[in-house]
Amino acid sequence: MDRAKVEEFSLIKERYHEAIQAYINEGYVSKLEKQPTDTGWYLPHHPVIADCKNTKLRVVFDLAAKVDGVSLNDLLEKGPNLLNDLTGSSYDSASLLWV
């Protein structure tokens, strides 16, 4: 691996550590001090950085990860669909602007 890649990985690791530490400081997450128990939900996570070098690193949590066939997404309440259904809408296709 070349030096530039090593430096990039080191920077990502440092920024990821800072992002996780900020979540800990805010009380959103807690550091696991011992073996996992059945009293919590443990989410896999990973860093995401856009192609632009000046973009802030984001921590993405995988709520679809399954343990014993169940994910956190499966347990969350489903809300109503807030998007407008266009299939029943009447509109004049001639008034649409296609670019």
N, C-alpha and C. Protein backbone atom coordinates (compact mmCIF):
# COMPACT_ATOMS: atom_id res chain seq x y z
N MET A 1 0.85 -1.17 0.00
CA MET A 1 0.00 0.00 0.00
C MET A 1 0.90 1.24 0.00
N ASP A 2 0.56 2.21 -0.82
CA ASP A 2 1.43 3.38 -0.90
C ASP A 2 1.17 4.34 0.26
N ARG A 3 2.08 5.25 0.43
CA ARG A 3 2.05 6.18 1.58
C ARG A 3 0.79 7.05 1.60
N ALA A 4 0.32 7.48 0.43
CA ALA A 4 -0.87 8.33 0.36
C ALA A 4 -2.10 7.60 0.90
N LYS A 5 -2.24 6.32 0.55
CA LYS A 5 -3.37 5.53 1.03
C LYS A 5 -3.29 5.34 2.54
N VAL A 6 -2.11 5.08 3.07
CA VAL A 6 -1.93 4.91 4.51
C VAL A 6 -2.31 6.19 5.23
N GLU A 7 -1.89 7.34 4.72
CA GLU A 7 -2.24 8.62 5.33
C GLU A 7 -3.75 8.86 5.26
N GLU A 8 -4.38 8.49 4.13
CA GLU A 8 -5.83 8.66 3.98
C GLU A 8 -6.57 7.79 5.00
N PHE A 9 -6.16 6.52 5.13
CA PHE A 9 -6.79 5.63 6.10
C PHE A 9 -6.60 6.14 7.52
N SER A 10 -5.43 6.68 7.81
CA SER A 10 -5.16 7.23 9.15
C SER A 10 -6.08 8.41 9.44
N LEU A 11 -6.28 9.26 8.44
CA LEU A 11 -7.16 10.42 8.60
C LEU A 11 -8.61 9.97 8.82
N ILE A 12 -9.06 8.99 8.03
CA ILE A 12 -10.42 8.48 8.18
C ILE A 12 -10.60 7.86 9.56
N LYS A 13 -9.61 7.08 10.01
CA LYS A 13 -9.69 6.46 11.33
C LYS A 13 -9.79 7.53 12.43
N GLU A 14 -8.99 8.57 12.32
CA GLU A 14 -9.00 9.65 13.31
C GLU A 14 -10.35 10.37 13.32
N ARG A 15 -10.87 10.70 12.14
CA ARG A 15 -12.15 11.40 12.05
C ARG A 15 -13.30 10.51 12.53
N TYR A 16 -13.22 9.21 12.24
CA TYR A 16 -14.25 8.27 12.68
C TYR A 16 -14.25 8.17 14.21
N HIS A 17 -13.06 8.08 14.79
CA HIS A 17 -12.93 8.03 16.25
C HIS A 17 -13.53 9.30 16.86
N GLU A 18 -13.26 10.46 16.28
CA GLU A 18 -13.81 11.73 16.78
C GLU A 18 -15.34 11.74 16.69
N ALA A 19 -15.89 11.22 15.60
CA ALA A 19 -17.34 11.20 15.43
C ALA A 19 -18.00 10.28 16.47
N ILE A 20 -17.41 9.11 16.70
CA ILE A 20 -17.96 8.18 17.69
C ILE A 20 -17.82 8.79 19.08
N GLN A 21 -16.69 9.44 19.36
CA GLN A 21 -16.48 10.07 20.67
C GLN A 21 -17.51 11.17 20.91
N ALA A 22 -17.88 11.89 19.86
CA ALA A 22 -18.91 12.93 19.99
C ALA A 22 -20.25 12.30 20.37
N TYR A 23 -20.60 11.15 19.77
CA TYR A 23 -21.83 10.44 20.13
C TYR A 23 -21.78 10.00 21.59
N ILE A 24 -20.64 9.54 22.05
CA ILE A 24 -20.48 9.13 23.45
C ILE A 24 -20.65 10.34 24.36
N ASN A 25 -19.99 11.45 24.03
CA ASN A 25 -20.06 12.66 24.84
C ASN A 25 -21.48 13.21 24.95
N GLU A 26 -22.25 13.09 23.86
CA GLU A 26 -23.63 13.58 23.84
C GLU A 26 -24.60 12.62 24.53
N GLY A 27 -24.13 11.42 24.85
CA GLY A 27 -24.99 10.44 25.51
C GLY A 27 -25.86 9.63 24.57
N TYR A 28 -25.61 9.73 23.26
CA TYR A 28 -26.39 8.97 22.29
C TYR A 28 -26.02 7.49 22.32
N VAL A 29 -24.77 7.19 22.59
CA VAL A 29 -24.28 5.82 22.66
C VAL A 29 -23.41 5.68 23.90
N SER A 30 -23.14 4.46 24.27
CA SER A 30 -22.23 4.23 25.39
C SER A 30 -21.20 3.19 24.98
N LYS A 31 -20.02 3.33 25.55
CA LYS A 31 -18.94 2.42 25.24
C LYS A 31 -19.18 1.10 25.97
N LEU A 32 -19.03 0.01 25.26
CA LEU A 32 -19.23 -1.31 25.84
C LEU A 32 -18.01 -1.68 26.67
N GLU A 33 -18.20 -1.82 27.97
CA GLU A 33 -17.09 -2.11 28.88
C GLU A 33 -16.90 -3.60 29.13
N LYS A 34 -17.92 -4.40 28.83
CA LYS A 34 -17.83 -5.84 29.05
C LYS A 34 -18.55 -6.56 27.92
N GLN A 35 -18.69 -7.86 28.03
CA GLN A 35 -19.35 -8.65 26.99
C GLN A 35 -20.80 -8.20 26.81
N PRO A 36 -21.31 -8.24 25.57
CA PRO A 36 -22.70 -7.85 25.31
C PRO A 36 -23.68 -8.71 26.11
N THR A 37 -24.79 -8.10 26.47
CA THR A 37 -25.87 -8.81 27.16
C THR A 37 -27.14 -8.69 26.33
N ASP A 38 -28.21 -9.23 26.84
CA ASP A 38 -29.49 -9.15 26.14
C ASP A 38 -30.27 -7.89 26.49
N THR A 39 -29.65 -6.94 27.19
CA THR A 39 -30.39 -5.76 27.65
C THR A 39 -30.24 -4.56 26.72
N GLY A 40 -29.68 -4.74 25.56
CA GLY A 40 -29.51 -3.62 24.65
C GLY A 40 -29.52 -4.08 23.21
N TRP A 41 -29.44 -3.12 22.33
CA TRP A 41 -29.38 -3.42 20.90
C TRP A 41 -28.04 -2.92 20.40
N TYR A 42 -27.31 -3.77 19.72
CA TYR A 42 -25.98 -3.43 19.23
C TYR A 42 -26.04 -3.29 17.72
N LEU A 43 -25.68 -2.10 17.23
CA LEU A 43 -25.80 -1.81 15.80
C LEU A 43 -24.44 -1.76 15.14
N PRO A 44 -24.28 -2.49 14.04
CA PRO A 44 -23.05 -2.33 13.26
C PRO A 44 -23.03 -0.93 12.65
N HIS A 45 -21.86 -0.37 12.50
CA HIS A 45 -21.74 0.98 11.93
C HIS A 45 -20.45 1.08 11.14
N HIS A 46 -20.42 2.07 10.25
CA HIS A 46 -19.23 2.29 9.42
C HIS A 46 -19.19 3.75 8.98
N PRO A 47 -18.01 4.24 8.60
CA PRO A 47 -17.90 5.62 8.14
C PRO A 47 -18.30 5.75 6.67
N VAL A 48 -18.85 6.92 6.34
CA VAL A 48 -19.15 7.25 4.95
C VAL A 48 -18.64 8.65 4.68
N ILE A 49 -17.87 8.78 3.61
CA ILE A 49 -17.35 10.08 3.20
C ILE A 49 -17.67 10.25 1.72
N ALA A 50 -18.22 11.39 1.37
CA ALA A 50 -18.50 11.67 -0.04
C ALA A 50 -17.17 11.84 -0.78
N ASP A 51 -17.24 11.87 -2.09
CA ASP A 51 -16.03 11.99 -2.90
C ASP A 51 -15.27 13.28 -2.65
N CYS A 52 -15.98 14.32 -2.28
CA CYS A 52 -15.35 15.62 -2.05
C CYS A 52 -14.48 15.56 -0.80
N LYS A 53 -13.25 16.04 -0.87
CA LYS A 53 -12.31 15.96 0.24
C LYS A 53 -12.74 16.79 1.45
N ASN A 54 -13.54 17.83 1.25
CA ASN A 54 -13.93 18.70 2.35
C ASN A 54 -15.22 18.27 3.04
N THR A 55 -15.76 17.13 2.64
CA THR A 55 -17.02 16.68 3.21
C THR A 55 -16.80 16.02 4.56
N LYS A 56 -17.69 16.32 5.48
CA LYS A 56 -17.62 15.76 6.81
C LYS A 56 -17.91 14.26 6.78
N LEU A 57 -17.22 13.52 7.62
CA LEU A 57 -17.44 12.10 7.73
C LEU A 57 -18.77 11.86 8.46
N ARG A 58 -19.55 10.89 7.99
CA ARG A 58 -20.81 10.51 8.63
C ARG A 58 -20.68 9.09 9.15
N VAL A 59 -21.31 8.84 10.29
CA VAL A 59 -21.39 7.48 10.82
C VAL A 59 -22.75 6.93 10.40
N VAL A 60 -22.74 5.78 9.74
CA VAL A 60 -23.97 5.15 9.27
C VAL A 60 -24.20 3.88 10.07
N PHE A 61 -25.39 3.78 10.68
CA PHE A 61 -25.76 2.61 11.47
C PHE A 61 -26.65 1.70 10.62
N ASP A 62 -26.42 0.39 10.70
CA ASP A 62 -27.17 -0.58 9.90
C ASP A 62 -28.33 -1.14 10.73
N LEU A 63 -29.49 -0.49 10.65
CA LEU A 63 -30.66 -0.94 11.40
C LEU A 63 -31.33 -2.16 10.79
N ALA A 64 -30.88 -2.57 9.60
CA ALA A 64 -31.44 -3.75 8.94
C ALA A 64 -30.65 -5.01 9.29
N ALA A 65 -29.55 -4.87 10.03
CA ALA A 65 -28.75 -6.05 10.43
C ALA A 65 -29.60 -6.94 11.33
N LYS A 66 -29.63 -8.22 11.02
CA LYS A 66 -30.48 -9.14 11.76
C LYS A 66 -29.67 -9.98 12.75
N VAL A 67 -30.27 -10.19 13.93
CA VAL A 67 -29.74 -11.09 14.94
C VAL A 67 -30.86 -12.04 15.29
N ASP A 68 -30.62 -13.32 15.15
CA ASP A 68 -31.67 -14.33 15.37
C ASP A 68 -32.90 -14.04 14.51
N GLY A 69 -32.67 -13.53 13.30
CA GLY A 69 -33.75 -13.28 12.35
C GLY A 69 -34.54 -12.01 12.57
N VAL A 70 -34.10 -11.14 13.51
CA VAL A 70 -34.84 -9.91 13.81
C VAL A 70 -33.90 -8.71 13.71
N SER A 71 -34.35 -7.65 13.08
CA SER A 71 -33.58 -6.42 13.00
C SER A 71 -34.30 -5.33 13.80
N LEU A 72 -33.59 -4.26 14.11
CA LEU A 72 -34.23 -3.13 14.80
C LEU A 72 -35.32 -2.52 13.92
N ASN A 73 -35.09 -2.49 12.61
CA ASN A 73 -36.12 -2.00 11.69
C ASN A 73 -37.42 -2.79 11.83
N ASP A 74 -37.30 -4.11 12.06
CA ASP A 74 -38.49 -4.95 12.21
C ASP A 74 -39.30 -4.56 13.44
N LEU A 75 -38.64 -4.04 14.46
CA LEU A 75 -39.30 -3.73 15.72
C LEU A 75 -39.84 -2.31 15.81
N LEU A 76 -39.45 -1.44 14.89
CA LEU A 76 -39.90 -0.06 14.93
C LEU A 76 -41.31 0.07 14.37
N GLU A 77 -42.08 1.01 14.91
CA GLU A 77 -43.44 1.26 14.42
C GLU A 77 -43.37 1.81 13.00
N LYS A 78 -44.27 1.34 12.18
CA LYS A 78 -44.36 1.85 10.81
C LYS A 78 -45.32 3.03 10.81
N GLY A 79 -44.88 4.15 10.27
CA GLY A 79 -45.74 5.33 10.21
C GLY A 79 -46.48 5.38 8.89
N PRO A 80 -47.35 6.37 8.76
CA PRO A 80 -48.10 6.51 7.50
C PRO A 80 -47.17 6.98 6.38
N ASN A 81 -47.54 6.65 5.16
CA ASN A 81 -46.80 7.11 3.99
C ASN A 81 -47.11 8.60 3.79
N LEU A 82 -46.11 9.44 3.91
CA LEU A 82 -46.32 10.89 3.81
C LEU A 82 -46.10 11.43 2.40
N LEU A 83 -45.76 10.55 1.46
CA LEU A 83 -45.56 10.97 0.08
C LEU A 83 -46.89 10.99 -0.65
N ASN A 84 -47.07 11.95 -1.54
CA ASN A 84 -48.29 12.03 -2.34
C ASN A 84 -48.31 10.90 -3.35
N ASP A 85 -49.46 10.28 -3.49
CA ASP A 85 -49.64 9.22 -4.48
C ASP A 85 -50.00 9.87 -5.81
N LEU A 86 -49.14 9.76 -6.79
CA LEU A 86 -49.39 10.41 -8.08
C LEU A 86 -50.25 9.57 -9.01
N THR A 87 -50.48 8.30 -8.67
CA THR A 87 -51.26 7.45 -9.58
C THR A 87 -52.71 7.90 -9.68
N GLY A 88 -53.26 8.47 -8.62
CA GLY A 88 -54.65 8.92 -8.65
C GLY A 88 -54.78 10.39 -9.01
N SER A 89 -53.67 11.07 -9.21
CA SER A 89 -53.71 12.49 -9.50
C SER A 89 -54.02 12.73 -10.97
N SER A 90 -54.75 13.79 -11.22
CA SER A 90 -54.98 14.18 -12.60
C SER A 90 -54.10 15.39 -12.90
N TYR A 91 -53.32 15.27 -13.95
CA TYR A 91 -52.47 16.38 -14.35
C TYR A 91 -52.37 16.39 -15.86
N ASP A 92 -52.08 17.54 -16.37
CA ASP A 92 -51.96 17.72 -17.81
C ASP A 92 -50.51 17.45 -18.19
N SER A 93 -50.26 16.35 -18.88
CA SER A 93 -48.89 15.99 -19.23
C SER A 93 -48.25 17.04 -20.16
N ALA A 94 -49.06 17.81 -20.85
CA ALA A 94 -48.51 18.85 -21.73
C ALA A 94 -47.90 19.98 -20.91
N SER A 95 -48.33 20.12 -19.66
CA SER A 95 -47.81 21.20 -18.84
C SER A 95 -46.51 20.85 -18.14
N LEU A 96 -46.10 19.57 -18.27
CA LEU A 96 -44.83 19.17 -17.63
C LEU A 96 -43.66 19.62 -18.48
N LEU A 97 -42.62 20.07 -17.83
CA LEU A 97 -41.42 20.50 -18.51
C LEU A 97 -40.39 19.38 -18.45
N TRP A 98 -40.00 18.87 -19.57
CA TRP A 98 -38.99 17.80 -19.63
C TRP A 98 -37.67 18.40 -20.03
N VAL A 99 -36.66 18.12 -19.27
CA VAL A 99 -35.35 18.68 -19.55
C VAL A 99 -34.41 17.62 -20.04
